[in-house]
């Protein structure tokens, strides 16, 4: 059974309008709906890493997914940026909008457990390589207990990476997939993924080629959307839909009232393909 919760993922780009997102959360609350906010922080992590002299590295998987390489110093920068810069700003904006909120990471109460791979395959200069020493992981389990307690108390949780491994040590995880995993664990009514694009584009170079509806097969990737952060959002959307989330939207976080716009039909609504549901 689905819960009446809207999970909103606020992208890590500076372009996302935080005030508009928070005002929309206030509107949802005024309408009697419950909301949970998940955030990334890629731009702020990059800034802080540069200030700390931490080298930024990325890796590319065999299927073309680009990921941040999280060395121990980069893990520290990520923790500081998420909990010391991005989250306080969101909490302040929510308070200004009249929304009582509580900031959390996946470490709190053992909420998000992830599994780290000691080595993984990647591609560098067209050649396969083995990457080691990356302190990131894949989400394995979500315990929504603390989230339900906060929601039942009328509070809005604000959640971000990191997750924890089985011993509680922090691991970097993808924030879009974290949002999907939380939405599944809560049996959410909907998941809204806000990004610095108007939606899923048929042509990545044409902002007017937004797909109002996009069918997602369970396995295959969409060639026309297989670049940049959109690729990961589609993976997260598929995981949410397969997990039973009622609806998934990918929409522009730069517009006024972005959540209301998404729910009202702006951007792209994601659905499982009819063949996959059969």
Protein backbone atom coordinates (compact mmCIF):
# COMPACT_ATOMS: atom_id res chain seq x y z
CA UNK A 1 0.00 0.00 0.00
CA UNK A 2 1.38 3.42 -0.96
CA UNK A 3 1.86 6.15 1.61
CA UNK A 4 0.76 9.70 0.82
CA UNK A 5 4.33 10.98 0.74
CA UNK A 6 5.96 12.98 -2.03
CA UNK A 7 9.72 12.45 -2.22
CA UNK A 8 11.49 15.37 -3.90
CA UNK A 9 15.09 15.13 -5.11
CA UNK A 10 16.66 18.58 -5.35
CA UNK A 11 19.62 18.39 -7.73
CA UNK A 12 23.19 19.18 -6.84
CA UNK A 13 23.44 22.01 -9.37
CA UNK A 14 23.55 25.65 -8.27
CA UNK A 15 20.94 26.34 -10.94
CA UNK A 16 18.16 24.68 -8.92
CA UNK A 17 15.90 27.28 -7.29
CA UNK A 18 15.99 26.33 -3.60
CA UNK A 19 13.45 28.97 -2.54
CA UNK A 20 10.92 27.73 -5.10
CA UNK A 21 11.36 24.12 -4.03
CA UNK A 22 10.89 25.00 -0.37
CA UNK A 23 7.82 27.13 -1.13
CA UNK A 24 6.34 24.13 -2.94
CA UNK A 25 7.00 21.91 0.08
CA UNK A 26 5.06 24.44 2.15
CA UNK A 27 2.17 24.26 -0.36
CA UNK A 28 2.10 20.49 -0.13
CA UNK A 29 1.94 20.67 3.65
CA UNK A 30 -0.85 23.26 3.49
CA UNK A 31 -2.79 20.86 1.26
CA UNK A 32 -2.43 18.11 3.87
CA UNK A 33 0.30 16.18 2.01
CA UNK A 34 3.56 15.00 3.49
CA UNK A 35 6.89 15.64 1.79
CA UNK A 36 10.47 14.49 2.14
CA UNK A 37 13.40 16.25 0.51
CA UNK A 38 16.54 14.51 -0.73
CA UNK A 39 19.45 16.65 -1.91
CA UNK A 40 22.74 16.30 -3.68
CA UNK A 41 25.50 18.87 -3.76
CA UNK A 42 27.87 18.28 -6.68
CA UNK A 43 28.74 21.93 -7.30
CA UNK A 44 29.36 22.65 -3.63
CA UNK A 45 31.46 19.50 -3.26
CA UNK A 46 33.60 20.59 -6.21
CA UNK A 47 34.06 24.07 -4.73
CA UNK A 48 35.01 22.82 -1.29
CA UNK A 49 37.33 20.16 -2.68
CA UNK A 50 39.15 22.85 -4.67
CA UNK A 51 39.43 25.04 -1.56
CA UNK A 52 40.87 22.11 0.38
CA UNK A 53 43.26 21.14 -2.39
CA UNK A 54 41.55 17.79 -2.98
CA UNK A 55 41.93 16.50 -6.52
CA UNK A 56 38.64 15.78 -8.28
CA UNK A 57 38.54 12.59 -10.32
CA UNK A 58 35.82 10.82 -12.26
CA UNK A 59 35.52 7.29 -13.57
CA UNK A 60 33.50 5.92 -16.47
CA UNK A 61 31.83 2.51 -16.23
CA UNK A 62 31.82 0.02 -19.13
CA UNK A 63 28.24 1.15 -19.97
CA UNK A 64 29.22 4.82 -19.99
CA UNK A 65 28.11 5.99 -16.54
CA UNK A 66 30.36 8.72 -15.17
CA UNK A 67 30.89 8.75 -11.39
CA UNK A 68 32.84 10.77 -8.87
CA UNK A 69 35.89 8.89 -7.59
CA UNK A 70 35.62 9.18 -3.81
CA UNK A 71 39.07 9.03 -2.26
CA UNK A 72 39.31 9.41 1.53
CA UNK A 73 40.03 13.17 1.20
CA UNK A 74 37.13 13.54 -1.26
CA UNK A 75 34.86 11.65 1.14
CA UNK A 76 35.74 14.22 3.82
CA UNK A 77 35.01 17.06 1.38
CA UNK A 78 31.67 15.48 0.47
CA UNK A 79 30.67 15.10 4.12
CA UNK A 80 31.62 18.70 4.91
CA UNK A 81 29.86 20.11 1.85
CA UNK A 82 26.63 18.16 2.37
CA UNK A 83 26.26 18.67 6.10
CA UNK A 84 28.02 22.02 6.51
CA UNK A 85 26.91 23.97 3.46
CA UNK A 86 24.11 22.49 1.36
CA UNK A 87 21.87 21.10 4.08
CA UNK A 88 21.96 24.18 6.37
CA UNK A 89 20.92 26.38 3.44
CA UNK A 90 17.99 24.09 2.66
CA UNK A 91 16.92 23.97 6.30
CA UNK A 92 17.06 27.76 6.51
CA UNK A 93 15.00 28.13 3.32
CA UNK A 94 12.42 25.65 4.60
CA UNK A 95 12.18 27.52 7.89
CA UNK A 96 11.67 30.78 5.99
CA UNK A 97 8.83 29.07 4.11
CA UNK A 98 7.24 27.98 7.39
CA UNK A 99 8.24 24.33 7.09
CA UNK A 100 9.63 22.59 10.21
CA UNK A 101 12.40 20.33 8.92
CA UNK A 102 15.06 17.97 10.24
CA UNK A 103 18.37 17.38 8.46
CA UNK A 104 19.69 13.82 8.18
CA UNK A 105 22.21 11.75 6.28
CA UNK A 106 21.97 8.07 5.51
CA UNK A 107 24.23 7.45 8.51
CA UNK A 108 21.62 8.60 11.02
CA UNK A 109 19.92 5.71 12.83
CA UNK A 110 21.51 3.38 10.28
CA UNK A 111 18.93 4.60 7.77
CA UNK A 112 20.78 3.79 4.53
CA UNK A 113 23.11 0.80 4.26
CA UNK A 114 25.36 0.48 1.22
CA UNK A 115 27.89 -2.08 0.02
CA UNK A 116 31.31 -1.00 -1.15
CA UNK A 117 33.12 -2.87 -3.89
CA UNK A 118 36.87 -3.09 -3.18
CA UNK A 119 37.46 -3.01 -6.94
CA UNK A 120 35.32 -2.26 -9.97
CA UNK A 121 35.66 -2.13 -13.72
CA UNK A 122 36.00 1.16 -15.57
CA UNK A 123 37.13 2.49 -18.93
CA UNK A 124 40.01 4.91 -19.36
CA UNK A 125 41.15 6.16 -22.77
CA UNK A 126 39.09 3.41 -24.36
CA UNK A 127 40.77 0.67 -22.36
CA UNK A 128 39.32 -1.43 -19.52
CA UNK A 129 40.88 -0.77 -16.11
CA UNK A 130 40.28 -1.83 -12.51
CA UNK A 131 39.55 1.00 -10.07
CA UNK A 132 40.45 0.50 -6.40
CA UNK A 133 40.21 2.64 -3.28
CA UNK A 134 36.86 4.24 -4.14
CA UNK A 135 34.80 4.93 -1.01
CA UNK A 136 31.43 4.79 -2.73
CA UNK A 137 28.85 2.06 -2.76
CA UNK A 138 25.55 0.69 -3.95
CA UNK A 139 22.49 1.05 -1.70
CA UNK A 140 21.50 -2.31 -0.25
CA UNK A 141 18.89 -1.46 2.39
CA UNK A 142 16.77 1.41 3.68
CA UNK A 143 15.32 1.45 7.20
CA UNK A 144 12.55 4.08 7.03
CA UNK A 145 11.75 3.98 10.77
CA UNK A 146 13.22 7.38 11.66
CA UNK A 147 11.66 8.93 8.54
CA UNK A 148 8.20 7.66 9.50
CA UNK A 149 8.63 8.99 13.04
CA UNK A 150 9.48 12.45 11.72
CA UNK A 151 6.72 12.47 9.11
CA UNK A 152 4.15 11.31 11.66
CA UNK A 153 5.29 14.15 13.93
CA UNK A 154 4.57 16.70 11.17
CA UNK A 155 8.23 17.29 10.33
CA UNK A 156 9.87 17.31 6.91
CA UNK A 157 13.01 15.14 6.66
CA UNK A 158 15.87 16.51 4.55
CA UNK A 159 18.10 13.59 3.59
CA UNK A 160 21.42 13.31 1.76
CA UNK A 161 24.38 11.00 1.28
CA UNK A 162 26.47 9.48 2.71
CA UNK A 163 25.15 6.02 3.46
CA UNK A 164 26.90 3.69 5.87
CA UNK A 165 28.43 0.29 5.33
CA UNK A 166 27.63 -2.65 7.62
CA UNK A 167 29.96 -1.24 10.27
CA UNK A 168 28.61 2.32 9.96
CA UNK A 169 31.55 3.78 8.01
CA UNK A 170 30.44 6.43 5.49
CA UNK A 171 30.15 5.65 1.78
CA UNK A 172 29.28 8.04 -1.00
CA UNK A 173 26.12 7.02 -2.88
CA UNK A 174 24.25 8.54 -5.78
CA UNK A 175 21.62 10.97 -4.48
CA UNK A 176 19.09 10.22 -7.23
CA UNK A 177 19.19 6.53 -6.45
CA UNK A 178 19.05 7.32 -2.74
CA UNK A 179 15.84 9.28 -3.38
CA UNK A 180 14.41 6.34 -5.32
CA UNK A 181 15.34 3.88 -2.57
CA UNK A 182 13.75 6.07 0.11
CA UNK A 183 10.60 6.48 -1.99
CA UNK A 184 10.33 2.69 -2.36
CA UNK A 185 10.95 2.09 1.35
CA UNK A 186 8.21 4.57 2.27
CA UNK A 187 5.80 3.33 -0.40
CA UNK A 188 5.68 6.93 -1.64
CA UNK A 189 2.87 8.35 -3.69
CA UNK A 190 5.29 10.02 -6.08
CA UNK A 191 8.95 10.79 -6.68
CA UNK A 192 9.91 14.12 -8.26
CA UNK A 193 13.47 14.40 -9.59
CA UNK A 194 14.34 18.06 -10.16
CA UNK A 195 17.20 18.87 -12.49
CA UNK A 196 18.78 21.70 -14.48
CA UNK A 197 16.95 20.62 -17.64
CA UNK A 198 13.30 20.93 -18.71
CA UNK A 199 12.80 17.15 -18.56
CA UNK A 200 13.95 14.11 -20.50
CA UNK A 201 15.02 15.33 -23.94
CA UNK A 202 14.72 13.42 -27.19
CA UNK A 203 17.73 15.43 -28.36
CA UNK A 204 20.14 16.51 -25.63
CA UNK A 205 21.14 19.56 -27.70
CA UNK A 206 17.53 20.77 -28.10
CA UNK A 207 15.83 22.01 -24.95
CA UNK A 208 12.53 22.04 -26.81
CA UNK A 209 12.54 18.27 -27.39
CA UNK A 210 11.07 17.39 -23.98
CA UNK A 211 9.29 14.06 -23.83
CA UNK A 212 6.04 14.53 -21.86
CA UNK A 213 5.91 10.76 -21.26
CA UNK A 214 8.73 8.25 -21.34
CA UNK A 215 8.46 4.47 -21.12
CA UNK A 216 11.32 2.80 -19.29
CA UNK A 217 12.25 -0.81 -20.06
CA UNK A 218 13.60 -2.73 -17.10
CA UNK A 219 17.00 -3.43 -18.60
CA UNK A 220 17.81 -1.43 -21.73
CA UNK A 221 19.14 2.12 -21.57
CA UNK A 222 17.73 4.96 -23.66
CA UNK A 223 20.35 6.02 -26.18
CA UNK A 224 18.94 9.52 -26.60
CA UNK A 225 19.14 10.23 -22.86
CA UNK A 226 22.29 8.32 -22.04
CA UNK A 227 24.54 11.23 -21.19
CA UNK A 228 25.36 13.20 -18.08
CA UNK A 229 23.24 13.18 -14.96
CA UNK A 230 20.06 12.33 -16.87
CA UNK A 231 21.31 8.80 -17.37
CA UNK A 232 21.43 8.26 -13.62
CA UNK A 233 18.04 9.86 -13.12
CA UNK A 234 16.51 7.38 -15.54
CA UNK A 235 18.13 4.50 -13.66
CA UNK A 236 16.73 5.91 -10.39
CA UNK A 237 13.30 6.37 -11.97
CA UNK A 238 13.28 2.75 -13.12
CA UNK A 239 14.24 1.51 -9.66
CA UNK A 240 11.45 3.56 -8.09
CA UNK A 241 8.82 2.32 -10.54
CA UNK A 242 9.86 -1.32 -10.15
CA UNK A 243 9.70 -0.83 -6.39
CA UNK A 244 6.07 0.28 -6.56
CA UNK A 245 6.29 4.08 -6.34
CA UNK A 246 3.07 5.50 -7.74
CA UNK A 247 4.51 8.06 -10.16
CA UNK A 248 7.93 9.41 -11.13
CA UNK A 249 8.51 12.86 -12.65
CA UNK A 250 11.71 14.40 -14.02
CA UNK A 251 11.29 18.15 -14.27
CA UNK A 252 13.00 21.53 -14.36
CA UNK A 253 14.14 22.70 -10.93
CA UNK A 254 15.01 26.17 -12.22
CA UNK A 255 11.43 27.36 -12.69
CA UNK A 256 9.16 28.94 -10.06
CA UNK A 257 7.15 26.34 -8.11
CA UNK A 258 8.98 23.43 -9.76
CA UNK A 259 7.22 20.63 -7.85
CA UNK A 260 3.76 22.02 -8.57
CA UNK A 261 4.74 22.40 -12.23
CA UNK A 262 5.98 18.80 -12.41
CA UNK A 263 2.88 17.35 -10.78
CA UNK A 264 0.78 19.56 -13.07
CA UNK A 265 2.31 18.06 -16.20
CA UNK A 266 5.54 19.95 -16.87
CA UNK A 267 8.65 17.95 -17.62
CA UNK A 268 8.48 14.19 -18.14
CA UNK A 269 6.42 11.55 -16.42
CA UNK A 270 8.14 8.16 -16.36
CA UNK A 271 6.29 4.87 -16.67
CA UNK A 272 7.32 1.25 -17.04
CA UNK A 273 6.89 -0.10 -20.53
CA UNK A 274 3.73 -2.12 -21.09
CA UNK A 275 5.83 -5.09 -22.17
CA UNK A 276 7.81 -5.06 -18.92
CA UNK A 277 4.63 -4.94 -16.81
CA UNK A 278 3.00 -7.83 -18.66
